[in-house]
Amino acid sequence: MATSTAQMAQARSATASTASLPALKASPGTRWWFGGVAAMAAAAVSHPLDTLKIRMQTSTTKSSVLSKLVAVIRNEGISALYAGLSASLLRQALYSTARFSVNDAVKVKLGVDQNGQTSIIKRLTAAVLGGLAGGILGTPADVANVRMQDDGRLPPAQRRGYKNAVDGLVRIGREEGLVALFRGWVPNTTRAAFMTAAQIVSYDTFKIKLLTTGLFKDNIYTHFTASCLAGLVATTVTSPFDVLKTRLMVVPKGTYSGSLDAAVKIFNSEGPLAFYKGWVPAFTRHGPHTVLTFVAYEKLKSLYASNHTA
């Protein structure tokens, strides 16, 4: 009986170890900023795909990813794919730092063991709260980012011409009022909550399932596969909110009275599939972005741990 009890305890311990998500373990020190740094590195690589997504979402006509890519390069040059990069990096510094750190903190408060494990309900709660915090903090930079990425599509007379993220934020506040910095904050924050929940929790779940097959080990190949599947879930769940927040951030003031009005008008004029415009570049971006984020995040933790071992 004692042997059976010991074996059961060992099995539970092994399961907890396997199920743990390294990127979400709580640890001491200054790693609250690791998520932001990792996401900034990922954003620097995936930014061109994000630009293509924005261009497709703001277009009222149908076009493929390839045709949009060719049109942007031919009309504006390759550098146009990196328009708004400074704002994107600033957004990740605020958005991802908040969502990772809040997610970690809430998980600990809700009862996380040393392996970073808790029930799926508690994990979802922590992820949603992290996403809400990140969405609110990141909205001003996101407004500047979306406008800078979309600027090349507009006629020269209508282009805003922000020099960088700071210039964009200052001009938006000065020319349109501070409230304009939070245009689209409702769908953006909602999207952030769903994105964080879908991305982190599904990544955790897919990773566990892969490891329990016995065909995968806890290495970069498993991280790549799990994050691509998580990116698929997150992109599909958040696409309608993504389209809404993009439209609200770029259209002239007064075009829509709010998120619901925008949703109704887009649905009536363009149909339900309009809410999935830019899905392909969004998924193409979220897959690598998620992989790079978690790989960089775990590397930062590894380096930190190796330098702070007693």
C-alpha atoms as a PDB file:
ATOM      1  CA  MET A   1       0.000   0.000   0.000  1.00  0.00           C
ATOM      2  CA  ALA A   2       2.827   2.355   0.903  1.00  0.00           C
ATOM      3  CA  THR A   3       4.580   1.477  -2.353  1.00  0.00           C
ATOM      4  CA  SER A   4       1.392   2.170  -4.334  1.00  0.00           C
ATOM      5  CA  THR A   5       0.938   5.522  -2.615  1.00  0.00           C
ATOM      6  CA  ALA A   6       4.532   6.484  -3.355  1.00  0.00           C
ATOM      7  CA  GLN A   7       4.133   5.495  -6.989  1.00  0.00           C
ATOM      8  CA  MET A   8       0.966   7.578  -7.297  1.00  0.00           C
ATOM      9  CA  ALA A   9       2.749  10.568  -5.780  1.00  0.00           C
ATOM     10  CA  GLN A  10       5.638  10.146  -8.213  1.00  0.00           C
ATOM     11  CA  ALA A  11       3.200   9.912 -11.130  1.00  0.00           C
ATOM     12  CA  ARG A  12       1.448  13.094 -10.053  1.00  0.00           C
ATOM     13  CA  SER A  13       4.808  14.826  -9.734  1.00  0.00           C
ATOM     14  CA  ALA A  14       5.886  13.661 -13.192  1.00  0.00           C
ATOM     15  CA  THR A  15       2.579  14.793 -14.696  1.00  0.00           C
ATOM     16  CA  ALA A  16       2.922  18.216 -13.113  1.00  0.00           C
ATOM     17  CA  SER A  17       6.464  18.518 -14.424  1.00  0.00           C
ATOM     18  CA  THR A  18       5.412  17.504 -17.928  1.00  0.00           C
ATOM     19  CA  ALA A  19       2.379  19.762 -17.910  1.00  0.00           C
ATOM     20  CA  SER A  20       4.242  22.812 -16.773  1.00  0.00           C
ATOM     21  CA  LEU A  21       4.690  25.661 -19.211  1.00  0.00           C
ATOM     22  CA  PRO A  22       8.262  26.915 -18.727  1.00  0.00           C
ATOM     23  CA  ALA A  23       7.452  30.376 -20.022  1.00  0.00           C
ATOM     24  CA  LEU A  24       4.808  30.846 -17.337  1.00  0.00           C
ATOM     25  CA  LYS A  25       6.568  29.632 -14.214  1.00  0.00           C
ATOM     26  CA  ALA A  26       6.801  32.109 -11.402  1.00  0.00           C
ATOM     27  CA  SER A  27      10.316  33.002 -10.350  1.00  0.00           C
ATOM     28  CA  PRO A  28      11.964  35.729  -8.287  1.00  0.00           C
ATOM     29  CA  GLY A  29      13.890  38.712  -9.525  1.00  0.00           C
ATOM     30  CA  THR A  30      13.169  41.133 -12.328  1.00  0.00           C
ATOM     31  CA  ARG A  31      11.684  38.727 -14.838  1.00  0.00           C
ATOM     32  CA  TRP A  32       8.412  40.655 -14.922  1.00  0.00           C
ATOM     33  CA  TRP A  33       9.871  42.393 -17.978  1.00  0.00           C
ATOM     34  CA  PHE A  34      10.983  39.225 -19.774  1.00  0.00           C
ATOM     35  CA  GLY A  35       7.682  38.890 -21.644  1.00  0.00           C
ATOM     36  CA  GLY A  36       7.944  42.407 -23.053  1.00  0.00           C
ATOM     37  CA  VAL A  37      11.535  41.963 -24.214  1.00  0.00           C
ATOM     38  CA  ALA A  38      10.773  38.582 -25.801  1.00  0.00           C
ATOM     39  CA  ALA A  39       7.703  39.942 -27.603  1.00  0.00           C
ATOM     40  CA  MET A  40       9.650  42.963 -28.870  1.00  0.00           C
ATOM     41  CA  ALA A  41      12.233  40.649 -30.419  1.00  0.00           C
ATOM     42  CA  ALA A  42       9.460  38.617 -32.051  1.00  0.00           C
ATOM     43  CA  ALA A  43       7.690  41.761 -33.307  1.00  0.00           C
ATOM     44  CA  ALA A  44      10.853  43.007 -34.994  1.00  0.00           C
ATOM     45  CA  VAL A  45      10.887  39.848 -37.106  1.00  0.00           C
ATOM     46  CA  SER A  46       7.172  39.489 -37.816  1.00  0.00           C
ATOM     47  CA  HIS A  47       6.323  43.176 -38.408  1.00  0.00           C
ATOM     48  CA  PRO A  48       6.058  42.959 -42.241  1.00  0.00           C
ATOM     49  CA  LEU A  49       3.324  40.326 -41.909  1.00  0.00           C
ATOM     50  CA  ASP A  50       1.495  42.552 -39.455  1.00  0.00           C
ATOM     51  CA  THR A  51       1.657  45.418 -41.952  1.00  0.00           C
ATOM     52  CA  LEU A  52       0.119  43.205 -44.642  1.00  0.00           C
ATOM     53  CA  LYS A  53      -2.628  42.192 -42.223  1.00  0.00           C
ATOM     54  CA  ILE A  54      -3.449  45.850 -41.476  1.00  0.00           C
ATOM     55  CA  ARG A  55      -3.550  46.732 -45.179  1.00  0.00           C
ATOM     56  CA  MET A  56      -5.954  43.870 -45.883  1.00  0.00           C
ATOM     57  CA  GLN A  57      -8.187  44.746 -42.941  1.00  0.00           C
ATOM     58  CA  THR A  58      -8.527  48.393 -43.970  1.00  0.00           C
ATOM     59  CA  SER A  59      -9.290  47.509 -47.578  1.00  0.00           C
ATOM     60  CA  THR A  60     -12.939  47.345 -48.635  1.00  0.00           C
ATOM     61  CA  THR A  61     -12.103  45.163 -51.638  1.00  0.00           C
ATOM     62  CA  LYS A  62     -10.998  41.544 -51.794  1.00  0.00           C
ATOM     63  CA  SER A  63      -7.332  40.801 -52.392  1.00  0.00           C
ATOM     64  CA  SER A  64      -4.900  37.983 -51.720  1.00  0.00           C
ATOM     65  CA  VAL A  65      -1.854  38.201 -49.478  1.00  0.00           C
ATOM     66  CA  LEU A  66       0.466  37.868 -52.466  1.00  0.00           C
ATOM     67  CA  SER A  67      -1.267  40.586 -54.494  1.00  0.00           C
ATOM     68  CA  LYS A  68      -1.234  42.926 -51.505  1.00  0.00           C
ATOM     69  CA  LEU A  69       2.458  42.227 -50.879  1.00  0.00           C
ATOM     70  CA  VAL A  70       3.329  42.913 -54.536  1.00  0.00           C
ATOM     71  CA  ALA A  71       1.253  46.105 -54.545  1.00  0.00           C
ATOM     72  CA  VAL A  72       2.904  47.472 -51.388  1.00  0.00           C
ATOM     73  CA  ILE A  73       6.441  46.757 -52.596  1.00  0.00           C
ATOM     74  CA  ARG A  74       5.780  48.060 -56.115  1.00  0.00           C
ATOM     75  CA  ASN A  75       4.065  51.273 -55.000  1.00  0.00           C
ATOM     76  CA  GLU A  76       5.923  52.086 -51.794  1.00  0.00           C
ATOM     77  CA  GLY A  77       9.073  49.981 -51.637  1.00  0.00           C
ATOM     78  CA  ILE A  78      10.153  47.225 -49.246  1.00  0.00           C
ATOM     79  CA  SER A  79      10.676  49.727 -46.429  1.00  0.00           C
ATOM     80  CA  ALA A  80       6.907  50.266 -46.305  1.00  0.00           C
ATOM     81  CA  LEU A  81       6.564  46.807 -44.782  1.00  0.00           C
ATOM     82  CA  TYR A  82       8.388  48.144 -41.730  1.00  0.00           C
ATOM     83  CA  ALA A  83       6.290  51.290 -41.359  1.00  0.00           C
ATOM     84  CA  GLY A  84       5.299  51.753 -37.734  1.00  0.00           C
ATOM     85  CA  LEU A  85       8.003  49.457 -36.351  1.00  0.00           C
ATOM     86  CA  SER A  86       8.878  51.886 -33.551  1.00  0.00           C
ATOM     87  CA  ALA A  87       5.224  52.011 -32.478  1.00  0.00           C
ATOM     88  CA  SER A  88       4.988  48.221 -32.693  1.00  0.00           C
ATOM     89  CA  LEU A  89       7.987  47.821 -30.392  1.00  0.00           C
ATOM     90  CA  LEU A  90       6.570  50.377 -27.957  1.00  0.00           C
ATOM     91  CA  ARG A  91       3.233  48.567 -27.979  1.00  0.00           C
ATOM     92  CA  GLN A  92       4.887  45.241 -27.161  1.00  0.00           C
ATOM     93  CA  ALA A  93       6.933  46.864 -24.397  1.00  0.00           C
ATOM     94  CA  LEU A  94       3.670  47.946 -22.753  1.00  0.00           C
ATOM     95  CA  TYR A  95       1.187  45.299 -23.899  1.00  0.00           C
ATOM     96  CA  SER A  96       3.225  42.123 -23.532  1.00  0.00           C
ATOM     97  CA  THR A  97       5.054  43.209 -20.394  1.00  0.00           C
ATOM     98  CA  ALA A  98       1.679  43.818 -18.752  1.00  0.00           C
ATOM     99  CA  ARG A  99      -0.040  40.679 -19.968  1.00  0.00           C
ATOM    100  CA  PHE A 100       2.803  38.317 -19.037  1.00  0.00           C
ATOM    101  CA  SER A 101       3.506  39.892 -15.644  1.00  0.00           C
ATOM    102  CA  VAL A 102      -0.167  40.225 -14.659  1.00  0.00           C
ATOM    103  CA  ASN A 103      -0.861  36.673 -15.849  1.00  0.00           C
ATOM    104  CA  ASP A 104       1.992  35.367 -13.696  1.00  0.00           C
ATOM    105  CA  ALA A 105       0.979  37.416 -10.656  1.00  0.00           C
ATOM    106  CA  VAL A 106      -2.688  36.406 -10.818  1.00  0.00           C
ATOM    107  CA  LYS A 107      -1.806  32.723 -11.266  1.00  0.00           C
ATOM    108  CA  VAL A 108       0.281  32.850  -8.106  1.00  0.00           C
ATOM    109  CA  LYS A 109      -2.535  34.572  -6.210  1.00  0.00           C
ATOM    110  CA  LEU A 110      -5.026  31.964  -7.405  1.00  0.00           C
ATOM    111  CA  GLY A 111      -2.860  29.112  -6.186  1.00  0.00           C
ATOM    112  CA  VAL A 112       0.045  28.014  -8.340  1.00  0.00           C
ATOM    113  CA  ASP A 113       2.441  25.318  -7.195  1.00  0.00           C
ATOM    114  CA  GLN A 114       6.210  25.357  -7.756  1.00  0.00           C
ATOM    115  CA  ASN A 115       5.712  23.921 -11.248  1.00  0.00           C
ATOM    116  CA  GLY A 116       3.427  26.777 -12.241  1.00  0.00           C
ATOM    117  CA  GLN A 117       0.311  24.580 -12.379  1.00  0.00           C
ATOM    118  CA  THR A 118      -3.319  25.393 -11.604  1.00  0.00           C
ATOM    119  CA  SER A 119      -6.764  24.536 -12.973  1.00  0.00           C
ATOM    120  CA  ILE A 120      -7.733  25.594 -16.486  1.00  0.00           C
ATOM    121  CA  ILE A 121     -10.398  27.965 -15.099  1.00  0.00           C
ATOM    122  CA  LYS A 122      -7.805  29.760 -13.002  1.00  0.00           C
ATOM    123  CA  ARG A 123      -5.370  29.818 -15.911  1.00  0.00           C
ATOM    124  CA  LEU A 124      -8.043  31.337 -18.149  1.00  0.00           C
ATOM    125  CA  THR A 125      -8.876  33.929 -15.491  1.00  0.00           C
ATOM    126  CA  ALA A 126      -5.232  34.924 -15.124  1.00  0.00           C
ATOM    127  CA  ALA A 127      -4.743  35.129 -18.894  1.00  0.00           C
ATOM    128  CA  VAL A 128      -7.882  37.215 -19.448  1.00  0.00           C
ATOM    129  CA  LEU A 129      -6.919  39.682 -16.713  1.00  0.00           C
ATOM    130  CA  GLY A 130      -3.409  39.902 -18.151  1.00  0.00           C
ATOM    131  CA  GLY A 131      -4.838  40.542 -21.605  1.00  0.00           C
ATOM    132  CA  LEU A 132      -7.175  43.260 -20.329  1.00  0.00           C
ATOM    133  CA  ALA A 133      -4.307  45.057 -18.592  1.00  0.00           C
ATOM    134  CA  GLY A 134      -2.085  44.760 -21.645  1.00  0.00           C
ATOM    135  CA  GLY A 135      -4.834  45.865 -24.015  1.00  0.00           C
ATOM    136  CA  ILE A 136      -5.550  49.056 -22.106  1.00  0.00           C
ATOM    137  CA  LEU A 137      -1.887  49.991 -21.648  1.00  0.00           C
ATOM    138  CA  GLY A 138      -0.986  49.167 -25.234  1.00  0.00           C
ATOM    139  CA  THR A 139      -3.871  50.907 -27.025  1.00  0.00           C
ATOM    140  CA  PRO A 140      -2.225  54.356 -27.547  1.00  0.00           C
ATOM    141  CA  ALA A 141       0.868  52.800 -29.127  1.00  0.00           C
ATOM    142  CA  ASP A 142      -1.377  50.486 -31.136  1.00  0.00           C
ATOM    143  CA  VAL A 143      -3.294  53.469 -32.548  1.00  0.00           C
ATOM    144  CA  ALA A 144      -0.023  55.041 -33.696  1.00  0.00           C
ATOM    145  CA  ASN A 145       1.212  51.706 -35.026  1.00  0.00           C
ATOM    146  CA  VAL A 146      -1.904  50.964 -37.090  1.00  0.00           C
ATOM    147  CA  ARG A 147      -1.972  54.464 -38.560  1.00  0.00           C
ATOM    148  CA  MET A 148       1.703  54.340 -39.504  1.00  0.00           C
ATOM    149  CA  GLN A 149       1.267  50.940 -41.157  1.00  0.00           C
ATOM    150  CA  ASP A 150      -1.807  52.107 -43.069  1.00  0.00           C
ATOM    151  CA  ASP A 151      -0.429  55.522 -44.080  1.00  0.00           C
ATOM    152  CA  GLY A 152       1.028  54.414 -47.407  1.00  0.00           C
ATOM    153  CA  ARG A 153      -2.394  53.247 -48.605  1.00  0.00           C
ATOM    154  CA  LEU A 154      -3.847  56.758 -48.325  1.00  0.00           C
ATOM    155  CA  PRO A 155      -3.604  59.542 -50.934  1.00  0.00           C
ATOM    156  CA  PRO A 156      -0.595  61.807 -50.224  1.00  0.00           C
ATOM    157  CA  ALA A 157      -2.825  64.647 -49.030  1.00  0.00           C
ATOM    158  CA  GLN A 158      -4.439  62.431 -46.389  1.00  0.00           C
ATOM    159  CA  ARG A 159      -1.279  60.818 -45.015  1.00  0.00           C
ATOM    160  CA  ARG A 160      -0.404  61.647 -41.433  1.00  0.00           C
ATOM    161  CA  GLY A 161       3.343  61.214 -41.813  1.00  0.00           C
ATOM    162  CA  TYR A 162       4.237  60.378 -38.224  1.00  0.00           C
ATOM    163  CA  LYS A 163       8.026  60.287 -37.890  1.00  0.00           C
ATOM    164  CA  ASN A 164       8.051  57.658 -35.159  1.00  0.00           C
ATOM    165  CA  ALA A 165       5.980  56.326 -32.284  1.00  0.00           C
ATOM    166  CA  VAL A 166       6.598  59.268 -29.961  1.00  0.00           C
ATOM    167  CA  ASP A 167       5.857  61.785 -32.707  1.00  0.00           C
ATOM    168  CA  GLY A 168       2.662  59.921 -33.515  1.00  0.00           C
ATOM    169  CA  LEU A 169       1.491  59.860 -29.907  1.00  0.00           C
ATOM    170  CA  VAL A 170       2.257  63.556 -29.391  1.00  0.00           C
ATOM    171  CA  ARG A 171       0.519  64.607 -32.603  1.00  0.00           C
ATOM    172  CA  ILE A 172      -2.553  62.477 -31.987  1.00  0.00           C
ATOM    173  CA  GLY A 173      -2.926  63.958 -28.504  1.00  0.00           C
ATOM    174  CA  ARG A 174      -2.318  67.513 -29.702  1.00  0.00           C
ATOM    175  CA  GLU A 175      -4.382  67.411 -32.915  1.00  0.00           C
ATOM    176  CA  GLU A 176      -7.256  65.153 -31.880  1.00  0.00           C
ATOM    177  CA  GLY A 177      -7.253  65.181 -28.089  1.00  0.00           C
ATOM    178  CA  LEU A 178      -6.067  62.609 -25.599  1.00  0.00           C
ATOM    179  CA  VAL A 179      -9.261  60.587 -26.055  1.00  0.00           C
ATOM    180  CA  ALA A 180      -8.163  59.800 -29.626  1.00  0.00           C
ATOM    181  CA  LEU A 181      -5.248  57.809 -28.214  1.00  0.00           C
ATOM    182  CA  PHE A 182      -7.792  55.263 -26.993  1.00  0.00           C
ATOM    183  CA  ARG A 183      -9.879  54.972 -30.141  1.00  0.00           C
ATOM    184  CA  GLY A 184     -10.924  51.368 -30.591  1.00  0.00           C
ATOM    185  CA  TRP A 185      -9.935  50.494 -27.022  1.00  0.00           C
ATOM    186  CA  VAL A 186     -13.024  48.335 -26.463  1.00  0.00           C
ATOM    187  CA  PRO A 187     -12.424  45.844 -29.321  1.00  0.00           C
ATOM    188  CA  ASN A 188      -8.667  46.152 -28.803  1.00  0.00           C
ATOM    189  CA  THR A 189      -8.862  45.277 -25.115  1.00  0.00           C
ATOM    190  CA  THR A 190     -11.402  42.536 -25.788  1.00  0.00           C
ATOM    191  CA  ARG A 191      -9.115  41.156 -28.468  1.00  0.00           C
ATOM    192  CA  ALA A 192      -6.149  41.305 -26.074  1.00  0.00           C
ATOM    193  CA  ALA A 193      -8.074  39.335 -23.450  1.00  0.00           C
ATOM    194  CA  PHE A 194      -9.150  36.663 -25.941  1.00  0.00           C
ATOM    195  CA  MET A 195      -5.706  36.617 -27.559  1.00  0.00           C
ATOM    196  CA  THR A 196      -3.859  36.104 -24.290  1.00  0.00           C
ATOM    197  CA  ALA A 197      -6.288  33.432 -23.112  1.00  0.00           C
ATOM    198  CA  ALA A 198      -6.313  31.599 -26.442  1.00  0.00           C
ATOM    199  CA  GLN A 199      -2.565  31.907 -26.984  1.00  0.00           C
ATOM    200  CA  ILE A 200      -1.198  31.048 -23.543  1.00  0.00           C
ATOM    201  CA  VAL A 201      -3.777  28.490 -22.412  1.00  0.00           C
ATOM    202  CA  SER A 202      -3.989  26.697 -25.767  1.00  0.00           C
ATOM    203  CA  TYR A 203      -0.175  26.671 -26.029  1.00  0.00           C
ATOM    204  CA  ASP A 204      -0.036  25.062 -22.606  1.00  0.00           C
ATOM    205  CA  THR A 205      -2.714  22.521 -23.535  1.00  0.00           C
ATOM    206  CA  PHE A 206      -1.219  21.599 -26.905  1.00  0.00           C
ATOM    207  CA  LYS A 207       2.220  21.241 -25.361  1.00  0.00           C
ATOM    208  CA  ILE A 208       0.878  18.871 -22.698  1.00  0.00           C
ATOM    209  CA  LYS A 209      -0.949  16.773 -25.311  1.00  0.00           C
ATOM    210  CA  LEU A 210       2.144  16.545 -27.506  1.00  0.00           C
ATOM    211  CA  LEU A 211       4.384  15.523 -24.620  1.00  0.00           C
ATOM    212  CA  THR A 212       1.972  12.855 -23.427  1.00  0.00           C
ATOM    213  CA  THR A 213       2.062  11.118 -26.832  1.00  0.00           C
ATOM    214  CA  GLY A 214       5.643  10.049 -26.142  1.00  0.00           C
ATOM    215  CA  LEU A 215       6.652  11.264 -29.607  1.00  0.00           C
ATOM    216  CA  PHE A 216       7.766  14.703 -28.437  1.00  0.00           C
ATOM    217  CA  LYS A 217      10.294  15.980 -25.932  1.00  0.00           C
ATOM    218  CA  ASP A 218      10.359  19.368 -24.209  1.00  0.00           C
ATOM    219  CA  ASN A 219      12.443  21.095 -26.875  1.00  0.00           C
ATOM    220  CA  ILE A 220      12.176  23.680 -29.623  1.00  0.00           C
ATOM    221  CA  TYR A 221      10.364  21.274 -31.989  1.00  0.00           C
ATOM    222  CA  THR A 222       7.572  20.811 -29.471  1.00  0.00           C
ATOM    223  CA  HIS A 223       7.487  24.541 -28.761  1.00  0.00           C
ATOM    224  CA  PHE A 224       7.239  25.243 -32.493  1.00  0.00           C
ATOM    225  CA  THR A 225       4.389  22.780 -33.059  1.00  0.00           C
ATOM    226  CA  ALA A 226       2.422  23.822 -29.969  1.00  0.00           C
ATOM    227  CA  SER A 227       2.811  27.522 -30.687  1.00  0.00           C
ATOM    228  CA  CYS A 228       1.715  27.147 -34.305  1.00  0.00           C
ATOM    229  CA  LEU A 229      -1.434  25.345 -33.156  1.00  0.00           C
ATOM    230  CA  ALA A 230      -1.972  27.995 -30.484  1.00  0.00           C
ATOM    231  CA  GLY A 231      -1.511  30.675 -33.127  1.00  0.00           C
ATOM    232  CA  LEU A 232      -4.228  29.029 -35.217  1.00  0.00           C
ATOM    233  CA  VAL A 233      -6.673  29.120 -32.302  1.00  0.00           C
ATOM    234  CA  ALA A 234      -5.755  32.661 -31.243  1.00  0.00           C
ATOM    235  CA  THR A 235      -5.939  34.093 -34.767  1.00  0.00           C
ATOM    236  CA  THR A 236      -9.363  32.592 -35.442  1.00  0.00           C
ATOM    237  CA  VAL A 237     -10.833  33.652 -32.100  1.00  0.00           C
ATOM    238  CA  THR A 238      -9.555  37.229 -32.234  1.00  0.00           C
ATOM    239  CA  SER A 239      -9.908  38.080 -35.939  1.00  0.00           C
ATOM    240  CA  PRO A 240     -13.325  39.843 -35.659  1.00  0.00           C
ATOM    241  CA  PHE A 241     -12.056  42.041 -32.805  1.00  0.00           C
ATOM    242  CA  ASP A 242      -8.836  42.700 -34.716  1.00  0.00           C
ATOM    243  CA  VAL A 243     -10.724  43.926 -37.793  1.00  0.00           C
ATOM    244  CA  LEU A 244     -12.979  46.127 -35.664  1.00  0.00           C
ATOM    245  CA  LYS A 245     -10.163  47.784 -33.727  1.00  0.00           C
ATOM    246  CA  THR A 246      -8.178  48.377 -36.913  1.00  0.00           C
ATOM    247  CA  ARG A 247     -11.108  50.060 -38.661  1.00  0.00           C
ATOM    248  CA  LEU A 248     -11.911  52.214 -35.633  1.00  0.00           C
ATOM    249  CA  MET A 249      -8.303  53.352 -35.328  1.00  0.00           C
ATOM    250  CA  VAL A 250      -7.827  54.453 -38.940  1.00  0.00           C
ATOM    251  CA  VAL A 251     -11.185  55.844 -40.128  1.00  0.00           C
ATOM    252  CA  PRO A 252     -12.005  59.575 -39.858  1.00  0.00           C
ATOM    253  CA  LYS A 253     -13.709  60.663 -36.651  1.00  0.00           C
ATOM    254  CA  GLY A 254     -17.468  60.249 -36.835  1.00  0.00           C
ATOM    255  CA  THR A 255     -17.449  57.361 -39.325  1.00  0.00           C
ATOM    256  CA  TYR A 256     -18.705  55.006 -36.625  1.00  0.00           C
ATOM    257  CA  SER A 257     -20.455  55.881 -33.378  1.00  0.00           C
ATOM    258  CA  GLY A 258     -18.827  52.969 -31.611  1.00  0.00           C
ATOM    259  CA  SER A 259     -17.763  49.342 -31.806  1.00  0.00           C
ATOM    260  CA  LEU A 260     -21.302  47.973 -32.247  1.00  0.00           C
ATOM    261  CA  ASP A 261     -22.102  50.505 -34.968  1.00  0.00           C
ATOM    262  CA  ALA A 262     -18.868  49.618 -36.774  1.00  0.00           C
ATOM    263  CA  ALA A 263     -19.629  45.897 -36.548  1.00  0.00           C
ATOM    264  CA  VAL A 264     -23.148  46.350 -37.945  1.00  0.00           C
ATOM    265  CA  LYS A 265     -22.022  48.579 -40.819  1.00  0.00           C
ATOM    266  CA  ILE A 266     -19.144  46.294 -41.790  1.00  0.00           C
ATOM    267  CA  PHE A 267     -21.446  43.273 -41.671  1.00  0.00           C
ATOM    268  CA  ASN A 268     -24.148  44.965 -43.770  1.00  0.00           C
ATOM    269  CA  SER A 269     -21.810  46.396 -46.401  1.00  0.00           C
ATOM    270  CA  GLU A 270     -19.159  43.678 -46.668  1.00  0.00           C
ATOM    271  CA  GLY A 271     -20.674  40.530 -45.198  1.00  0.00           C
ATOM    272  CA  PRO A 272     -19.560  38.267 -42.312  1.00  0.00           C
ATOM    273  CA  LEU A 273     -16.304  37.217 -43.978  1.00  0.00           C
ATOM    274  CA  ALA A 274     -15.108  40.818 -43.698  1.00  0.00           C
ATOM    275  CA  PHE A 275     -14.345  40.074 -40.044  1.00  0.00           C
ATOM    276  CA  TYR A 276     -11.731  37.578 -41.191  1.00  0.00           C
ATOM    277  CA  LYS A 277      -9.916  39.842 -43.625  1.00  0.00           C
ATOM    278  CA  GLY A 278      -6.184  39.517 -43.157  1.00  0.00           C
ATOM    279  CA  TRP A 279      -6.564  36.132 -41.466  1.00  0.00           C
ATOM    280  CA  VAL A 280      -3.815  34.483 -43.530  1.00  0.00           C
ATOM    281  CA  PRO A 281      -1.084  37.071 -42.815  1.00  0.00           C
ATOM    282  CA  ALA A 282      -2.349  37.270 -39.226  1.00  0.00           C
ATOM    283  CA  PHE A 283      -1.915  33.514 -38.775  1.00  0.00           C
ATOM    284  CA  THR A 284       1.387  33.546 -40.650  1.00  0.00           C
ATOM    285  CA  ARG A 285       2.523  36.210 -38.200  1.00  0.00           C
ATOM    286  CA  HIS A 286       1.090  34.722 -34.997  1.00  0.00           C
ATOM    287  CA  GLY A 287       2.735  31.338 -35.545  1.00  0.00           C
ATOM    288  CA  PRO A 288       6.337  32.584 -35.793  1.00  0.00           C
ATOM    289  CA  HIS A 289       5.625  35.419 -33.370  1.00  0.00           C
ATOM    290  CA  THR A 290       4.429  32.979 -30.715  1.00  0.00           C
ATOM    291  CA  VAL A 291       7.391  30.658 -31.315  1.00  0.00           C
ATOM    292  CA  LEU A 292       9.908  33.485 -31.123  1.00  0.00           C
ATOM    293  CA  THR A 293       8.237  34.999 -28.066  1.00  0.00           C
ATOM    294  CA  PHE A 294       8.261  31.815 -26.009  1.00  0.00           C
ATOM    295  CA  VAL A 295      11.722  30.700 -27.145  1.00  0.00           C
ATOM    296  CA  ALA A 296      13.175  34.115 -26.283  1.00  0.00           C
ATOM    297  CA  TYR A 297      11.224  34.183 -23.017  1.00  0.00           C
ATOM    298  CA  GLU A 298      12.562  30.814 -21.917  1.00  0.00           C
ATOM    299  CA  LYS A 299      16.094  31.768 -22.969  1.00  0.00           C
ATOM    300  CA  LEU A 300      15.924  34.921 -20.851  1.00  0.00           C
ATOM    301  CA  LYS A 301      14.757  32.878 -17.867  1.00  0.00           C
ATOM    302  CA  SER A 302      17.513  30.334 -18.424  1.00  0.00           C
ATOM    303  CA  LEU A 303      20.171  33.048 -18.557  1.00  0.00           C
ATOM    304  CA  TYR A 304      18.728  34.722 -15.491  1.00  0.00           C
ATOM    305  CA  ALA A 305      18.636  31.460 -13.548  1.00  0.00           C
ATOM    306  CA  SER A 306      22.202  30.568 -14.500  1.00  0.00           C
ATOM    307  CA  ASN A 307      23.430  33.966 -13.309  1.00  0.00           C
ATOM    308  CA  HIS A 308      21.482  33.917 -10.046  1.00  0.00           C
ATOM    309  CA  THR A 309      22.128  30.383  -8.848  1.00  0.00           C
ATOM    310  CA  ALA A 310      23.447  30.317  -5.324  1.00  0.00           C
END
